[in-house]
Amino acid sequence: MWVMKLATEEFDRISKALADPQRREILQKLVARRMNCSDVHAMFNVSQPTVSHHLKELATAGILDKEKQGQFCFYQVRADVLSAYVTELQRRLGLGAITVAPRIK
């Protein structure tokens, strides 16, 4: 299986974006489905500008794809980038490939 490589700057940018707990929560919601800012905002007790800021930071880090449709922007997780990040994190920590068991819901 091919995994894309991340440059150090990309890895650092993703690490910084994921350091914020609210961004990690937003990312968890977006893994399930593609959403616009209003959809995401409805799930959190924070202002719409705050949600927009977090989405922008995640998109700038390369973790989210942003697609404009009319007046709305839709966001979805870039699984390839997230996978590359996890692989690089494992490499930097000196861990072999870790098999992640699927979460039981």
N, C-alpha and C. Protein backbone atom coordinates (compact mmCIF):
# COMPACT_ATOMS: atom_id res chain seq x y z
N MET A 1 0.84 -1.18 0.00
CA MET A 1 0.00 0.00 0.00
C MET A 1 0.88 1.24 0.00
N TRP A 2 0.60 2.19 -0.91
CA TRP A 2 1.38 3.41 -1.02
C TRP A 2 0.86 4.46 -0.05
N VAL A 3 1.77 5.09 0.70
CA VAL A 3 1.40 6.18 1.59
C VAL A 3 2.21 7.39 1.18
N MET A 4 1.53 8.52 1.02
CA MET A 4 2.24 9.74 0.62
C MET A 4 3.22 10.15 1.71
N LYS A 5 4.26 10.85 1.32
CA LYS A 5 5.27 11.33 2.27
C LYS A 5 4.96 12.78 2.63
N LEU A 6 5.21 13.13 3.87
CA LEU A 6 5.01 14.51 4.32
C LEU A 6 6.36 15.18 4.53
N ALA A 7 6.48 16.40 4.05
CA ALA A 7 7.66 17.21 4.35
C ALA A 7 7.58 17.63 5.82
N THR A 8 8.70 17.98 6.40
CA THR A 8 8.73 18.39 7.80
C THR A 8 7.76 19.54 8.07
N GLU A 9 7.70 20.51 7.17
CA GLU A 9 6.80 21.66 7.35
C GLU A 9 5.34 21.21 7.39
N GLU A 10 4.99 20.26 6.52
CA GLU A 10 3.62 19.75 6.49
C GLU A 10 3.30 19.00 7.78
N PHE A 11 4.23 18.18 8.22
CA PHE A 11 4.05 17.42 9.46
C PHE A 11 3.84 18.37 10.64
N ASP A 12 4.68 19.41 10.71
CA ASP A 12 4.58 20.37 11.81
C ASP A 12 3.27 21.15 11.76
N ARG A 13 2.84 21.52 10.56
CA ARG A 13 1.59 22.27 10.40
C ARG A 13 0.40 21.42 10.86
N ILE A 14 0.41 20.13 10.50
CA ILE A 14 -0.67 19.23 10.92
C ILE A 14 -0.63 19.04 12.43
N SER A 15 0.56 18.84 12.99
CA SER A 15 0.69 18.67 14.44
C SER A 15 0.13 19.87 15.19
N LYS A 16 0.45 21.06 14.69
CA LYS A 16 -0.04 22.29 15.33
C LYS A 16 -1.57 22.37 15.24
N ALA A 17 -2.12 22.05 14.06
CA ALA A 17 -3.57 22.09 13.89
C ALA A 17 -4.27 21.09 14.81
N LEU A 18 -3.68 19.91 14.97
CA LEU A 18 -4.29 18.87 15.80
C LEU A 18 -4.04 19.07 17.29
N ALA A 19 -3.22 20.03 17.65
CA ALA A 19 -2.94 20.29 19.07
C ALA A 19 -4.16 20.88 19.78
N ASP A 20 -5.07 21.46 19.03
CA ASP A 20 -6.25 22.08 19.62
C ASP A 20 -7.36 21.03 19.79
N PRO A 21 -7.86 20.84 21.02
CA PRO A 21 -8.88 19.81 21.27
C PRO A 21 -10.16 20.03 20.47
N GLN A 22 -10.55 21.28 20.27
CA GLN A 22 -11.78 21.54 19.52
C GLN A 22 -11.61 21.15 18.05
N ARG A 23 -10.42 21.37 17.51
CA ARG A 23 -10.17 20.97 16.12
C ARG A 23 -10.22 19.46 15.99
N ARG A 24 -9.69 18.75 16.99
CA ARG A 24 -9.76 17.28 16.93
C ARG A 24 -11.22 16.82 16.97
N GLU A 25 -12.05 17.49 17.78
CA GLU A 25 -13.48 17.14 17.84
C GLU A 25 -14.15 17.39 16.50
N ILE A 26 -13.85 18.52 15.88
CA ILE A 26 -14.41 18.84 14.57
C ILE A 26 -13.99 17.79 13.56
N LEU A 27 -12.72 17.43 13.60
CA LEU A 27 -12.21 16.41 12.68
C LEU A 27 -12.96 15.09 12.86
N GLN A 28 -13.21 14.71 14.11
CA GLN A 28 -13.95 13.47 14.39
C GLN A 28 -15.34 13.51 13.75
N LYS A 29 -16.00 14.66 13.80
CA LYS A 29 -17.34 14.78 13.20
C LYS A 29 -17.25 14.69 11.68
N LEU A 30 -16.20 15.27 11.11
CA LEU A 30 -16.06 15.30 9.65
C LEU A 30 -15.61 13.96 9.06
N VAL A 31 -15.09 13.08 9.88
CA VAL A 31 -14.70 11.76 9.38
C VAL A 31 -15.94 11.02 8.90
N ALA A 32 -17.04 11.21 9.59
CA ALA A 32 -18.28 10.50 9.26
C ALA A 32 -18.89 10.97 7.94
N ARG A 33 -18.84 12.29 7.70
CA ARG A 33 -19.46 12.81 6.47
C ARG A 33 -18.97 14.21 6.16
N ARG A 34 -19.15 14.58 4.92
CA ARG A 34 -18.81 15.91 4.41
C ARG A 34 -19.85 16.89 4.94
N MET A 35 -19.39 18.06 5.43
CA MET A 35 -20.31 19.04 6.00
C MET A 35 -19.88 20.45 5.64
N ASN A 36 -20.84 21.38 5.74
CA ASN A 36 -20.49 22.78 5.60
C ASN A 36 -20.32 23.39 6.99
N CYS A 37 -19.90 24.64 7.02
CA CYS A 37 -19.61 25.29 8.30
C CYS A 37 -20.84 25.33 9.21
N SER A 38 -22.01 25.58 8.64
CA SER A 38 -23.24 25.62 9.44
C SER A 38 -23.54 24.27 10.08
N ASP A 39 -23.32 23.19 9.32
CA ASP A 39 -23.53 21.84 9.87
C ASP A 39 -22.62 21.61 11.07
N VAL A 40 -21.35 21.99 10.92
CA VAL A 40 -20.38 21.80 12.00
C VAL A 40 -20.74 22.69 13.18
N HIS A 41 -21.10 23.94 12.90
CA HIS A 41 -21.44 24.90 13.96
C HIS A 41 -22.60 24.38 14.81
N ALA A 42 -23.57 23.73 14.18
CA ALA A 42 -24.74 23.22 14.90
C ALA A 42 -24.37 22.16 15.94
N MET A 43 -23.19 21.56 15.81
CA MET A 43 -22.76 20.49 16.73
C MET A 43 -21.96 21.00 17.93
N PHE A 44 -21.61 22.28 17.91
CA PHE A 44 -20.74 22.82 18.95
C PHE A 44 -21.31 24.08 19.57
N ASN A 45 -21.00 24.29 20.82
CA ASN A 45 -21.48 25.45 21.54
C ASN A 45 -20.44 26.57 21.50
N VAL A 46 -20.06 26.96 20.29
CA VAL A 46 -19.12 28.07 20.08
C VAL A 46 -19.64 28.91 18.92
N SER A 47 -19.09 30.10 18.77
CA SER A 47 -19.56 30.99 17.71
C SER A 47 -19.22 30.45 16.33
N GLN A 48 -19.99 30.91 15.34
CA GLN A 48 -19.74 30.51 13.96
C GLN A 48 -18.36 30.96 13.49
N PRO A 49 -17.91 32.19 13.84
CA PRO A 49 -16.56 32.58 13.44
C PRO A 49 -15.47 31.67 14.02
N THR A 50 -15.69 31.16 15.22
CA THR A 50 -14.72 30.24 15.84
C THR A 50 -14.66 28.94 15.05
N VAL A 51 -15.83 28.42 14.68
CA VAL A 51 -15.87 27.20 13.88
C VAL A 51 -15.19 27.44 12.54
N SER A 52 -15.48 28.57 11.90
CA SER A 52 -14.85 28.90 10.62
C SER A 52 -13.34 28.95 10.75
N HIS A 53 -12.87 29.54 11.84
CA HIS A 53 -11.42 29.63 12.07
C HIS A 53 -10.80 28.23 12.19
N HIS A 54 -11.44 27.36 12.97
CA HIS A 54 -10.92 26.00 13.14
C HIS A 54 -10.92 25.24 11.82
N LEU A 55 -11.98 25.38 11.04
CA LEU A 55 -12.05 24.71 9.74
C LEU A 55 -10.95 25.23 8.81
N LYS A 56 -10.73 26.54 8.85
CA LYS A 56 -9.68 27.13 8.02
C LYS A 56 -8.30 26.59 8.41
N GLU A 57 -8.05 26.48 9.71
CA GLU A 57 -6.76 25.96 10.18
C GLU A 57 -6.56 24.50 9.76
N LEU A 58 -7.61 23.70 9.86
CA LEU A 58 -7.51 22.30 9.45
C LEU A 58 -7.32 22.18 7.93
N ALA A 59 -7.99 23.04 7.17
CA ALA A 59 -7.83 23.03 5.72
C ALA A 59 -6.44 23.51 5.32
N THR A 60 -5.95 24.56 5.98
CA THR A 60 -4.61 25.08 5.70
C THR A 60 -3.54 24.03 6.00
N ALA A 61 -3.78 23.23 7.03
CA ALA A 61 -2.84 22.16 7.39
C ALA A 61 -2.89 21.02 6.38
N GLY A 62 -3.91 21.02 5.53
CA GLY A 62 -4.01 19.98 4.51
C GLY A 62 -4.84 18.77 4.92
N ILE A 63 -5.43 18.84 6.11
CA ILE A 63 -6.20 17.70 6.63
C ILE A 63 -7.60 17.66 6.03
N LEU A 64 -8.12 18.81 5.65
CA LEU A 64 -9.45 18.89 5.07
C LEU A 64 -9.40 19.40 3.65
N ASP A 65 -10.28 18.88 2.83
CA ASP A 65 -10.54 19.44 1.51
C ASP A 65 -11.69 20.41 1.66
N LYS A 66 -11.60 21.54 0.98
CA LYS A 66 -12.65 22.56 1.02
C LYS A 66 -13.18 22.72 -0.40
N GLU A 67 -14.50 22.58 -0.55
CA GLU A 67 -15.12 22.71 -1.86
C GLU A 67 -16.25 23.73 -1.78
N LYS A 68 -16.13 24.77 -2.57
CA LYS A 68 -17.15 25.81 -2.58
C LYS A 68 -18.29 25.41 -3.52
N GLN A 69 -19.51 25.49 -3.00
CA GLN A 69 -20.71 25.23 -3.80
C GLN A 69 -21.69 26.35 -3.51
N GLY A 70 -21.80 27.28 -4.46
CA GLY A 70 -22.67 28.43 -4.25
C GLY A 70 -22.12 29.27 -3.11
N GLN A 71 -22.97 29.56 -2.14
CA GLN A 71 -22.53 30.37 -1.00
C GLN A 71 -21.93 29.53 0.13
N PHE A 72 -21.95 28.22 -0.02
CA PHE A 72 -21.46 27.34 1.05
C PHE A 72 -20.11 26.73 0.69
N CYS A 73 -19.32 26.48 1.72
CA CYS A 73 -18.07 25.71 1.58
C CYS A 73 -18.28 24.40 2.30
N PHE A 74 -18.00 23.31 1.62
CA PHE A 74 -18.13 21.99 2.22
C PHE A 74 -16.73 21.46 2.52
N TYR A 75 -16.62 20.79 3.66
CA TYR A 75 -15.34 20.26 4.12
C TYR A 75 -15.44 18.76 4.26
N GLN A 76 -14.35 18.08 3.90
CA GLN A 76 -14.27 16.65 4.15
C GLN A 76 -12.82 16.29 4.46
N VAL A 77 -12.67 15.23 5.23
CA VAL A 77 -11.35 14.78 5.67
C VAL A 77 -10.56 14.21 4.50
N ARG A 78 -9.29 14.55 4.44
CA ARG A 78 -8.37 13.95 3.47
C ARG A 78 -7.70 12.76 4.15
N ALA A 79 -8.26 11.59 3.93
CA ALA A 79 -7.76 10.38 4.58
C ALA A 79 -6.31 10.09 4.19
N ASP A 80 -5.92 10.43 2.96
CA ASP A 80 -4.55 10.18 2.52
C ASP A 80 -3.55 11.00 3.33
N VAL A 81 -3.89 12.25 3.62
CA VAL A 81 -3.00 13.11 4.40
C VAL A 81 -2.96 12.64 5.85
N LEU A 82 -4.12 12.29 6.40
CA LEU A 82 -4.16 11.81 7.78
C LEU A 82 -3.36 10.52 7.93
N SER A 83 -3.48 9.63 6.97
CA SER A 83 -2.73 8.38 6.99
C SER A 83 -1.22 8.64 6.90
N ALA A 84 -0.83 9.57 6.04
CA ALA A 84 0.59 9.93 5.92
C ALA A 84 1.10 10.54 7.22
N TYR A 85 0.26 11.32 7.88
CA TYR A 85 0.66 11.94 9.15
C TYR A 85 0.90 10.86 10.21
N VAL A 86 -0.02 9.93 10.31
CA VAL A 86 0.11 8.85 11.31
C VAL A 86 1.37 8.02 11.03
N THR A 87 1.60 7.71 9.76
CA THR A 87 2.78 6.94 9.37
C THR A 87 4.06 7.69 9.74
N GLU A 88 4.08 8.99 9.46
CA GLU A 88 5.26 9.81 9.78
C GLU A 88 5.45 9.91 11.29
N LEU A 89 4.36 10.05 12.04
CA LEU A 89 4.44 10.12 13.50
C LEU A 89 5.03 8.82 14.05
N GLN A 90 4.57 7.69 13.53
CA GLN A 90 5.10 6.39 13.97
C GLN A 90 6.60 6.31 13.66
N ARG A 91 6.98 6.77 12.47
CA ARG A 91 8.39 6.73 12.08
C ARG A 91 9.23 7.60 13.03
N ARG A 92 8.75 8.78 13.31
CA ARG A 92 9.50 9.70 14.18
C ARG A 92 9.60 9.20 15.62
N LEU A 93 8.60 8.43 16.05
CA LEU A 93 8.63 7.88 17.40
C LEU A 93 9.35 6.55 17.47
N GLY A 94 9.77 6.06 16.30
CA GLY A 94 10.49 4.79 16.26
C GLY A 94 9.60 3.58 16.45
N LEU A 95 8.33 3.74 16.10
CA LEU A 95 7.39 2.63 16.23
C LEU A 95 7.21 1.95 14.89
N GLY A 96 7.06 0.65 14.91
CA GLY A 96 6.73 -0.06 13.67
C GLY A 96 5.29 0.24 13.31
N ALA A 97 4.84 -0.27 12.22
CA ALA A 97 3.46 -0.05 11.83
C ALA A 97 2.55 -0.62 12.90
N ILE A 98 1.61 0.16 13.30
CA ILE A 98 0.65 -0.26 14.33
C ILE A 98 -0.65 -0.57 13.64
N THR A 99 -1.16 -1.74 13.90
CA THR A 99 -2.45 -2.11 13.33
C THR A 99 -3.53 -1.61 14.27
N VAL A 100 -4.41 -0.80 13.72
CA VAL A 100 -5.48 -0.24 14.52
C VAL A 100 -6.73 -1.05 14.27
N ALA A 101 -7.26 -1.59 15.38
CA ALA A 101 -8.50 -2.36 15.26
C ALA A 101 -9.65 -1.38 15.07
N PRO A 102 -10.65 -1.75 14.27
CA PRO A 102 -11.79 -0.86 14.09
C PRO A 102 -12.52 -0.64 15.41
N ARG A 103 -13.01 0.59 15.59
CA ARG A 103 -13.74 0.88 16.82
C ARG A 103 -15.13 0.27 16.74
N ILE A 104 -15.54 -0.30 17.85
CA ILE A 104 -16.87 -0.89 17.93
C ILE A 104 -17.82 0.20 18.39
N LYS A 105 -18.89 0.38 17.63
CA LYS A 105 -19.86 1.45 17.98
C LYS A 105 -21.04 0.90 18.68
